[in-house]
Amino acid sequence: MANSNQQPVVLYTTRFCPYCVRAKALLNSKDVAYQELAVDSDQGLRREMIQKSKRTSVPQIWIGETHVGGCDELFQLERTGTLDNMLQKQGESI
């Protein structure tokens, strides 16, 4: 996927979370650039994540302005074939 045509992707993660590892592996396999915000030792970032997502678990994933949820929701988007469309900027083709 061409990064210039990609929606920004943000993941709040922790280092040893297996779901975070799986979510990043899926995005890496699709050559998706993402910003990873580690909340392991940053309570401010953790509070920000909870405030934005209303969830305490990691990962919490955003594609553009859309809160996807966690790893299970990301994989569900992939299974249903909608992840690639979400990653694409509106009005542009991959």
PDB file of N, CA and C in Angstrom:
ATOM      1  N   MET A   1       0.848  -1.179   0.000  1.00  0.00           N
ATOM      2  CA  MET A   1       0.000   0.000   0.000  1.00  0.00           C
ATOM      3  C   MET A   1       0.891   1.238   0.000  1.00  0.00           C
ATOM      4  N   ALA A   2       0.628   2.150  -0.879  1.00  0.00           N
ATOM      5  CA  ALA A   2       1.428   3.374  -0.948  1.00  0.00           C
ATOM      6  C   ALA A   2       1.109   4.261   0.246  1.00  0.00           C
ATOM      7  N   ASN A   3       2.136   4.646   0.988  1.00  0.00           N
ATOM      8  CA  ASN A   3       1.926   5.420   2.193  1.00  0.00           C
ATOM      9  C   ASN A   3       1.306   6.778   1.923  1.00  0.00           C
ATOM     10  N   SER A   4       1.570   7.375   0.757  1.00  0.00           N
ATOM     11  CA  SER A   4       1.014   8.692   0.471  1.00  0.00           C
ATOM     12  C   SER A   4      -0.502   8.644   0.310  1.00  0.00           C
ATOM     13  N   ASN A   5      -1.040   7.488   0.020  1.00  0.00           N
ATOM     14  CA  ASN A   5      -2.489   7.329  -0.139  1.00  0.00           C
ATOM     15  C   ASN A   5      -3.133   6.720   1.095  1.00  0.00           C
ATOM     16  N   GLN A   6      -2.401   6.609   2.170  1.00  0.00           N
ATOM     17  CA  GLN A   6      -2.873   5.892   3.343  1.00  0.00           C
ATOM     18  C   GLN A   6      -3.384   6.837   4.421  1.00  0.00           C
ATOM     19  N   GLN A   7      -4.480   6.442   5.030  1.00  0.00           N
ATOM     20  CA  GLN A   7      -4.966   7.144   6.214  1.00  0.00           C
ATOM     21  C   GLN A   7      -3.917   6.993   7.315  1.00  0.00           C
ATOM     22  N   PRO A   8      -3.778   7.971   8.203  1.00  0.00           N
ATOM     23  CA  PRO A   8      -2.869   7.787   9.336  1.00  0.00           C
ATOM     24  C   PRO A   8      -3.409   6.703  10.272  1.00  0.00           C
ATOM     25  N   VAL A   9      -2.517   5.868  10.759  1.00  0.00           N
ATOM     26  CA  VAL A   9      -2.884   4.781  11.666  1.00  0.00           C
ATOM     27  C   VAL A   9      -2.120   4.989  12.969  1.00  0.00           C
ATOM     28  N   VAL A  10      -2.853   4.939  14.085  1.00  0.00           N
ATOM     29  CA  VAL A  10      -2.255   5.127  15.405  1.00  0.00           C
ATOM     30  C   VAL A  10      -2.635   3.937  16.270  1.00  0.00           C
ATOM     31  N   LEU A  11      -1.617   3.370  16.947  1.00  0.00           N
ATOM     32  CA  LEU A  11      -1.847   2.264  17.872  1.00  0.00           C
ATOM     33  C   LEU A  11      -1.296   2.627  19.243  1.00  0.00           C
ATOM     34  N   TYR A  12      -2.122   2.476  20.262  1.00  0.00           N
ATOM     35  CA  TYR A  12      -1.652   2.549  21.641  1.00  0.00           C
ATOM     36  C   TYR A  12      -1.342   1.113  22.036  1.00  0.00           C
ATOM     37  N   THR A  13      -0.119   0.873  22.519  1.00  0.00           N
ATOM     38  CA  THR A  13       0.339  -0.487  22.776  1.00  0.00           C
ATOM     39  C   THR A  13       1.111  -0.584  24.089  1.00  0.00           C
ATOM     40  N   THR A  14       1.424  -1.838  24.443  1.00  0.00           N
ATOM     41  CA  THR A  14       2.434  -2.129  25.461  1.00  0.00           C
ATOM     42  C   THR A  14       3.410  -3.124  24.849  1.00  0.00           C
ATOM     43  N   ARG A  15       4.612  -3.174  25.382  1.00  0.00           N
ATOM     44  CA  ARG A  15       5.681  -3.981  24.769  1.00  0.00           C
ATOM     45  C   ARG A  15       5.399  -5.473  24.755  1.00  0.00           C
ATOM     46  N   PHE A  16       4.784  -6.009  25.798  1.00  0.00           N
ATOM     47  CA  PHE A  16       4.665  -7.463  25.917  1.00  0.00           C
ATOM     48  C   PHE A  16       3.255  -7.976  25.655  1.00  0.00           C
ATOM     49  N   CYS A  17       2.421  -7.157  25.073  1.00  0.00           N
ATOM     50  CA  CYS A  17       1.037  -7.544  24.778  1.00  0.00           C
ATOM     51  C   CYS A  17       1.000  -8.376  23.489  1.00  0.00           C
ATOM     52  N   PRO A  18       0.559  -9.635  23.575  1.00  0.00           N
ATOM     53  CA  PRO A  18       0.520 -10.461  22.353  1.00  0.00           C
ATOM     54  C   PRO A  18      -0.467  -9.934  21.317  1.00  0.00           C
ATOM     55  N   TYR A  19      -1.520  -9.280  21.751  1.00  0.00           N
ATOM     56  CA  TYR A  19      -2.486  -8.717  20.803  1.00  0.00           C
ATOM     57  C   TYR A  19      -1.900  -7.521  20.068  1.00  0.00           C
ATOM     58  N   CYS A  20      -1.070  -6.749  20.759  1.00  0.00           N
ATOM     59  CA  CYS A  20      -0.375  -5.635  20.115  1.00  0.00           C
ATOM     60  C   CYS A  20       0.574  -6.164  19.044  1.00  0.00           C
ATOM     61  N   VAL A  21       1.288  -7.226  19.375  1.00  0.00           N
ATOM     62  CA  VAL A  21       2.223  -7.843  18.430  1.00  0.00           C
ATOM     63  C   VAL A  21       1.469  -8.337  17.196  1.00  0.00           C
ATOM     64  N   ARG A  22       0.325  -8.989  17.398  1.00  0.00           N
ATOM     65  CA  ARG A  22      -0.473  -9.500  16.268  1.00  0.00           C
ATOM     66  C   ARG A  22      -0.987  -8.367  15.392  1.00  0.00           C
ATOM     67  N   ALA A  23      -1.493  -7.299  16.024  1.00  0.00           N
ATOM     68  CA  ALA A  23      -2.025  -6.170  15.250  1.00  0.00           C
ATOM     69  C   ALA A  23      -0.920  -5.527  14.417  1.00  0.00           C
ATOM     70  N   LYS A  24       0.245  -5.323  15.030  1.00  0.00           N
ATOM     71  CA  LYS A  24       1.371  -4.727  14.292  1.00  0.00           C
ATOM     72  C   LYS A  24       1.831  -5.654  13.174  1.00  0.00           C
ATOM     73  N   ALA A  25       1.826  -6.961  13.404  1.00  0.00           N
ATOM     74  CA  ALA A  25       2.238  -7.915  12.374  1.00  0.00           C
ATOM     75  C   ALA A  25       1.299  -7.846  11.171  1.00  0.00           C
ATOM     76  N   LEU A  26      -0.007  -7.715  11.419  1.00  0.00           N
ATOM     77  CA  LEU A  26      -0.954  -7.604  10.307  1.00  0.00           C
ATOM     78  C   LEU A  26      -0.683  -6.332   9.519  1.00  0.00           C
ATOM     79  N   LEU A  27      -0.519  -5.213  10.214  1.00  0.00           N
ATOM     80  CA  LEU A  27      -0.250  -3.958   9.520  1.00  0.00           C
ATOM     81  C   LEU A  27       1.083  -4.010   8.777  1.00  0.00           C
ATOM     82  N   ASN A  28       2.108  -4.602   9.396  1.00  0.00           N
ATOM     83  CA  ASN A  28       3.408  -4.742   8.729  1.00  0.00           C
ATOM     84  C   ASN A  28       3.297  -5.600   7.473  1.00  0.00           C
ATOM     85  N   SER A  29       2.494  -6.669   7.531  1.00  0.00           N
ATOM     86  CA  SER A  29       2.354  -7.560   6.373  1.00  0.00           C
ATOM     87  C   SER A  29       1.697  -6.842   5.195  1.00  0.00           C
ATOM     88  N   LYS A  30       0.970  -5.775   5.484  1.00  0.00           N
ATOM     89  CA  LYS A  30       0.308  -4.997   4.442  1.00  0.00           C
ATOM     90  C   LYS A  30       1.104  -3.733   4.103  1.00  0.00           C
ATOM     91  N   ASP A  31       2.322  -3.608   4.638  1.00  0.00           N
ATOM     92  CA  ASP A  31       3.160  -2.422   4.434  1.00  0.00           C
ATOM     93  C   ASP A  31       2.458  -1.132   4.845  1.00  0.00           C
ATOM     94  N   VAL A  32       1.730  -1.198   5.943  1.00  0.00           N
ATOM     95  CA  VAL A  32       1.018  -0.037   6.458  1.00  0.00           C
ATOM     96  C   VAL A  32       1.912   0.682   7.465  1.00  0.00           C
ATOM     97  N   ALA A  33       2.127   1.954   7.232  1.00  0.00           N
ATOM     98  CA  ALA A  33       2.877   2.775   8.185  1.00  0.00           C
ATOM     99  C   ALA A  33       1.940   3.125   9.334  1.00  0.00           C
ATOM    100  N   TYR A  34       2.463   3.119  10.555  1.00  0.00           N
ATOM    101  CA  TYR A  34       1.644   3.464  11.712  1.00  0.00           C
ATOM    102  C   TYR A  34       2.495   4.147  12.768  1.00  0.00           C
ATOM    103  N   GLN A  35       1.811   4.885  13.617  1.00  0.00           N
ATOM    104  CA  GLN A  35       2.451   5.520  14.760  1.00  0.00           C
ATOM    105  C   GLN A  35       2.101   4.678  15.979  1.00  0.00           C
ATOM    106  N   GLU A  36       3.122   4.217  16.663  1.00  0.00           N
ATOM    107  CA  GLU A  36       2.923   3.404  17.862  1.00  0.00           C
ATOM    108  C   GLU A  36       3.180   4.269  19.095  1.00  0.00           C
ATOM    109  N   LEU A  37       2.202   4.301  19.988  1.00  0.00           N
ATOM    110  CA  LEU A  37       2.317   5.043  21.232  1.00  0.00           C
ATOM    111  C   LEU A  37       2.318   4.039  22.380  1.00  0.00           C
ATOM    112  N   ALA A  38       3.492   3.807  22.965  1.00  0.00           N
ATOM    113  CA  ALA A  38       3.630   2.819  24.041  1.00  0.00           C
ATOM    114  C   ALA A  38       3.166   3.422  25.355  1.00  0.00           C
ATOM    115  N   VAL A  39       2.215   2.761  25.993  1.00  0.00           N
ATOM    116  CA  VAL A  39       1.663   3.266  27.253  1.00  0.00           C
ATOM    117  C   VAL A  39       2.213   2.521  28.464  1.00  0.00           C
ATOM    118  N   ASP A  40       3.220   1.652  28.264  1.00  0.00           N
ATOM    119  CA  ASP A  40       3.803   0.856  29.357  1.00  0.00           C
ATOM    120  C   ASP A  40       4.161   1.720  30.563  1.00  0.00           C
ATOM    121  N   SER A  41       4.959   2.722  30.316  1.00  0.00           N
ATOM    122  CA  SER A  41       5.479   3.520  31.429  1.00  0.00           C
ATOM    123  C   SER A  41       5.102   4.988  31.303  1.00  0.00           C
ATOM    124  N   ASP A  42       4.107   5.283  30.489  1.00  0.00           N
ATOM    125  CA  ASP A  42       3.668   6.667  30.315  1.00  0.00           C
ATOM    126  C   ASP A  42       2.201   6.771  30.725  1.00  0.00           C
ATOM    127  N   GLN A  43       1.984   7.113  31.969  1.00  0.00           N
ATOM    128  CA  GLN A  43       0.613   7.177  32.487  1.00  0.00           C
ATOM    129  C   GLN A  43      -0.212   8.262  31.792  1.00  0.00           C
ATOM    130  N   GLY A  44       0.446   9.326  31.349  1.00  0.00           N
ATOM    131  CA  GLY A  44      -0.261  10.365  30.611  1.00  0.00           C
ATOM    132  C   GLY A  44      -0.831   9.841  29.309  1.00  0.00           C
ATOM    133  N   LEU A  45      -0.020   9.079  28.572  1.00  0.00           N
ATOM    134  CA  LEU A  45      -0.498   8.470  27.321  1.00  0.00           C
ATOM    135  C   LEU A  45      -1.588   7.451  27.602  1.00  0.00           C
ATOM    136  N   ARG A  46      -1.440   6.681  28.687  1.00  0.00           N
ATOM    137  CA  ARG A  46      -2.461   5.693  29.048  1.00  0.00           C
ATOM    138  C   ARG A  46      -3.792   6.406  29.332  1.00  0.00           C
ATOM    139  N   ARG A  47      -3.740   7.500  30.082  1.00  0.00           N
ATOM    140  CA  ARG A  47      -4.966   8.265  30.376  1.00  0.00           C
ATOM    141  C   ARG A  47      -5.580   8.819  29.082  1.00  0.00           C
ATOM    142  N   GLU A  48      -4.716   9.319  28.190  1.00  0.00           N
ATOM    143  CA  GLU A  48      -5.187   9.819  26.895  1.00  0.00           C
ATOM    144  C   GLU A  48      -5.901   8.714  26.123  1.00  0.00           C
ATOM    145  N   MET A  49      -5.308   7.528  26.090  1.00  0.00           N
ATOM    146  CA  MET A  49      -5.897   6.387  25.384  1.00  0.00           C
ATOM    147  C   MET A  49      -7.263   6.052  25.970  1.00  0.00           C
ATOM    148  N   ILE A  50      -7.350   5.985  27.283  1.00  0.00           N
ATOM    149  CA  ILE A  50      -8.606   5.631  27.948  1.00  0.00           C
ATOM    150  C   ILE A  50      -9.658   6.701  27.678  1.00  0.00           C
ATOM    151  N   GLN A  51      -9.266   7.963  27.748  1.00  0.00           N
ATOM    152  CA  GLN A  51     -10.208   9.049  27.497  1.00  0.00           C
ATOM    153  C   GLN A  51     -10.740   8.992  26.069  1.00  0.00           C
ATOM    154  N   LYS A  52      -9.857   8.757  25.093  1.00  0.00           N
ATOM    155  CA  LYS A  52     -10.263   8.736  23.691  1.00  0.00           C
ATOM    156  C   LYS A  52     -11.076   7.495  23.336  1.00  0.00           C
ATOM    157  N   SER A  53     -10.673   6.344  23.887  1.00  0.00           N
ATOM    158  CA  SER A  53     -11.295   5.078  23.470  1.00  0.00           C
ATOM    159  C   SER A  53     -12.388   4.588  24.405  1.00  0.00           C
ATOM    160  N   LYS A  54     -12.404   5.091  25.635  1.00  0.00           N
ATOM    161  CA  LYS A  54     -13.309   4.592  26.682  1.00  0.00           C
ATOM    162  C   LYS A  54     -13.019   3.128  27.000  1.00  0.00           C
ATOM    163  N   ARG A  55     -11.778   2.698  26.753  1.00  0.00           N
ATOM    164  CA  ARG A  55     -11.333   1.328  27.019  1.00  0.00           C
ATOM    165  C   ARG A  55      -9.980   1.368  27.706  1.00  0.00           C
ATOM    166  N   THR A  56      -9.698   0.323  28.502  1.00  0.00           N
ATOM    167  CA  THR A  56      -8.422   0.254  29.207  1.00  0.00           C
ATOM    168  C   THR A  56      -7.466  -0.777  28.615  1.00  0.00           C
ATOM    169  N   SER A  57      -7.951  -1.612  27.700  1.00  0.00           N
ATOM    170  CA  SER A  57      -7.114  -2.670  27.132  1.00  0.00           C
ATOM    171  C   SER A  57      -6.309  -2.141  25.950  1.00  0.00           C
ATOM    172  N   VAL A  58      -5.216  -2.842  25.657  1.00  0.00           N
ATOM    173  CA  VAL A  58      -4.398  -2.531  24.487  1.00  0.00           C
ATOM    174  C   VAL A  58      -4.402  -3.739  23.568  1.00  0.00           C
ATOM    175  N   PRO A  59      -4.196  -3.519  22.284  1.00  0.00           N
ATOM    176  CA  PRO A  59      -4.010  -2.231  21.627  1.00  0.00           C
ATOM    177  C   PRO A  59      -5.336  -1.503  21.453  1.00  0.00           C
ATOM    178  N   GLN A  60      -5.244  -0.201  21.282  1.00  0.00           N
ATOM    179  CA  GLN A  60      -6.366   0.616  20.815  1.00  0.00           C
ATOM    180  C   GLN A  60      -5.889   1.239  19.519  1.00  0.00           C
ATOM    181  N   ILE A  61      -6.702   1.091  18.478  1.00  0.00           N
ATOM    182  CA  ILE A  61      -6.262   1.400  17.122  1.00  0.00           C
ATOM    183  C   ILE A  61      -7.208   2.413  16.475  1.00  0.00           C
ATOM    184  N   TRP A  62      -6.607   3.410  15.837  1.00  0.00           N
ATOM    185  CA  TRP A  62      -7.348   4.393  15.050  1.00  0.00           C
ATOM    186  C   TRP A  62      -6.846   4.350  13.618  1.00  0.00           C
ATOM    187  N   ILE A  63      -7.774   4.398  12.687  1.00  0.00           N
ATOM    188  CA  ILE A  63      -7.447   4.586  11.273  1.00  0.00           C
ATOM    189  C   ILE A  63      -8.100   5.902  10.885  1.00  0.00           C
ATOM    190  N   GLY A  64      -7.273   6.884  10.594  1.00  0.00           N
ATOM    191  CA  GLY A  64      -7.799   8.229  10.392  1.00  0.00           C
ATOM    192  C   GLY A  64      -8.455   8.672  11.693  1.00  0.00           C
ATOM    193  N   GLU A  65      -9.674   9.165  11.597  1.00  0.00           N
ATOM    194  CA  GLU A  65     -10.416   9.609  12.784  1.00  0.00           C
ATOM    195  C   GLU A  65     -11.280   8.499  13.374  1.00  0.00           C
ATOM    196  N   THR A  66     -11.259   7.312  12.772  1.00  0.00           N
ATOM    197  CA  THR A  66     -12.130   6.212  13.195  1.00  0.00           C
ATOM    198  C   THR A  66     -11.436   5.328  14.212  1.00  0.00           C
ATOM    199  N   HIS A  67     -12.075   5.168  15.371  1.00  0.00           N
ATOM    200  CA  HIS A  67     -11.571   4.245  16.384  1.00  0.00           C
ATOM    201  C   HIS A  67     -12.000   2.841  15.989  1.00  0.00           C
ATOM    202  N   VAL A  68     -11.035   2.016  15.618  1.00  0.00           N
ATOM    203  CA  VAL A  68     -11.294   0.650  15.181  1.00  0.00           C
ATOM    204  C   VAL A  68     -11.595  -0.239  16.374  1.00  0.00           C
ATOM    205  N   GLY A  69     -10.891  -0.014  17.470  1.00  0.00           N
ATOM    206  CA  GLY A  69     -10.997  -0.880  18.637  1.00  0.00           C
ATOM    207  C   GLY A  69      -9.664  -1.551  18.852  1.00  0.00           C
ATOM    208  N   GLY A  70      -9.709  -2.859  19.130  1.00  0.00           N
ATOM    209  CA  GLY A  70      -8.501  -3.600  19.409  1.00  0.00           C
ATOM    210  C   GLY A  70      -8.109  -4.554  18.295  1.00  0.00           C
ATOM    211  N   CYS A  71      -7.284  -5.504  18.649  1.00  0.00           N
ATOM    212  CA  CYS A  71      -6.752  -6.477  17.693  1.00  0.00           C
ATOM    213  C   CYS A  71      -7.870  -7.293  17.038  1.00  0.00           C
ATOM    214  N   ASP A  72      -8.818  -7.774  17.838  1.00  0.00           N
ATOM    215  CA  ASP A  72      -9.898  -8.591  17.278  1.00  0.00           C
ATOM    216  C   ASP A  72     -10.692  -7.820  16.229  1.00  0.00           C
ATOM    217  N   GLU A  73     -10.971  -6.554  16.519  1.00  0.00           N
ATOM    218  CA  GLU A  73     -11.722  -5.739  15.570  1.00  0.00           C
ATOM    219  C   GLU A  73     -10.911  -5.485  14.296  1.00  0.00           C
ATOM    220  N   LEU A  74      -9.601  -5.278  14.446  1.00  0.00           N
ATOM    221  CA  LEU A  74      -8.742  -5.084  13.274  1.00  0.00           C
ATOM    222  C   LEU A  74      -8.756  -6.322  12.378  1.00  0.00           C
ATOM    223  N   PHE A  75      -8.633  -7.499  12.987  1.00  0.00           N
ATOM    224  CA  PHE A  75      -8.654  -8.734  12.202  1.00  0.00           C
ATOM    225  C   PHE A  75     -10.028  -8.987  11.588  1.00  0.00           C
ATOM    226  N   GLN A  76     -11.090  -8.570  12.268  1.00  0.00           N
ATOM    227  CA  GLN A  76     -12.440  -8.696  11.702  1.00  0.00           C
ATOM    228  C   GLN A  76     -12.568  -7.838  10.448  1.00  0.00           C
ATOM    229  N   LEU A  77     -12.013  -6.629  10.485  1.00  0.00           N
ATOM    230  CA  LEU A  77     -12.022  -5.778   9.288  1.00  0.00           C
ATOM    231  C   LEU A  77     -11.267  -6.453   8.149  1.00  0.00           C
ATOM    232  N   GLU A  78     -10.155  -7.096   8.467  1.00  0.00           N
ATOM    233  CA  GLU A  78      -9.377  -7.798   7.434  1.00  0.00           C
ATOM    234  C   GLU A  78     -10.179  -8.969   6.874  1.00  0.00           C
ATOM    235  N   ARG A  79     -10.818  -9.751   7.749  1.00  0.00           N
ATOM    236  CA  ARG A  79     -11.599 -10.920   7.298  1.00  0.00           C
ATOM    237  C   ARG A  79     -12.762 -10.517   6.402  1.00  0.00           C
ATOM    238  N   THR A  80     -13.378  -9.383   6.706  1.00  0.00           N
ATOM    239  CA  THR A  80     -14.542  -8.956   5.913  1.00  0.00           C
ATOM    240  C   THR A  80     -14.144  -8.175   4.671  1.00  0.00           C
ATOM    241  N   GLY A  81     -12.839  -7.932   4.496  1.00  0.00           N
ATOM    242  CA  GLY A  81     -12.367  -7.244   3.308  1.00  0.00           C
ATOM    243  C   GLY A  81     -12.549  -5.735   3.351  1.00  0.00           C
ATOM    244  N   THR A  82     -12.785  -5.163   4.519  1.00  0.00           N
ATOM    245  CA  THR A  82     -13.000  -3.723   4.608  1.00  0.00           C
ATOM    246  C   THR A  82     -11.780  -2.950   5.106  1.00  0.00           C
ATOM    247  N   LEU A  83     -10.760  -3.648   5.609  1.00  0.00           N
ATOM    248  CA  LEU A  83      -9.587  -2.960   6.151  1.00  0.00           C
ATOM    249  C   LEU A  83      -8.876  -2.122   5.090  1.00  0.00           C
ATOM    250  N   ASP A  84      -8.644  -2.695   3.918  1.00  0.00           N
ATOM    251  CA  ASP A  84      -7.928  -1.961   2.870  1.00  0.00           C
ATOM    252  C   ASP A  84      -8.658  -0.673   2.491  1.00  0.00           C
ATOM    253  N   ASN A  85      -9.990  -0.743   2.400  1.00  0.00           N
ATOM    254  CA  ASN A  85     -10.757   0.462   2.069  1.00  0.00           C
ATOM    255  C   ASN A  85     -10.653   1.502   3.172  1.00  0.00           C
ATOM    256  N   MET A  86     -10.652   1.078   4.415  1.00  0.00           N
ATOM    257  CA  MET A  86     -10.512   2.024   5.532  1.00  0.00           C
ATOM    258  C   MET A  86      -9.151   2.697   5.511  1.00  0.00           C
ATOM    259  N   LEU A  87      -8.121   1.941   5.133  1.00  0.00           N
ATOM    260  CA  LEU A  87      -6.772   2.480   5.121  1.00  0.00           C
ATOM    261  C   LEU A  87      -6.550   3.492   4.010  1.00  0.00           C
ATOM    262  N   GLN A  88      -7.361   3.407   2.978  1.00  0.00           N
ATOM    263  CA  GLN A  88      -7.208   4.279   1.818  1.00  0.00           C
ATOM    264  C   GLN A  88      -7.820   5.639   2.103  1.00  0.00           C
ATOM    265  N   LYS A  89      -7.116   6.703   1.737  1.00  0.00           N
ATOM    266  CA  LYS A  89      -7.681   8.045   1.872  1.00  0.00           C
ATOM    267  C   LYS A  89      -8.879   8.176   0.947  1.00  0.00           C
ATOM    268  N   GLN A  90      -9.897   8.847   1.411  1.00  0.00           N
ATOM    269  CA  GLN A  90     -11.091   9.024   0.583  1.00  0.00           C
ATOM    270  C   GLN A  90     -10.752   9.779  -0.689  1.00  0.00           C
ATOM    271  N   GLY A  91     -11.308   9.297  -1.776  1.00  0.00           N
ATOM    272  CA  GLY A  91     -11.116   9.975  -3.044  1.00  0.00           C
ATOM    273  C   GLY A  91      -9.835   9.619  -3.757  1.00  0.00           C
ATOM    274  N   GLU A  92      -9.039   8.725  -3.186  1.00  0.00           N
ATOM    275  CA  GLU A  92      -7.771   8.324  -3.808  1.00  0.00           C
ATOM    276  C   GLU A  92      -7.768   6.811  -3.980  1.00  0.00           C
ATOM    277  N   SER A  93      -7.018   6.337  -4.937  1.00  0.00           N
ATOM    278  CA  SER A  93      -6.911   4.905  -5.137  1.00  0.00           C
ATOM    279  C   SER A  93      -5.521   4.437  -4.726  1.00  0.00           C
ATOM    280  N   ILE A  94      -5.452   3.165  -4.428  1.00  0.00           N
ATOM    281  CA  ILE A  94      -4.176   2.570  -3.996  1.00  0.00           C
ATOM    282  C   ILE A  94      -3.342   2.247  -5.214  1.00  0.00           C
TER     283      ILE A  94
END
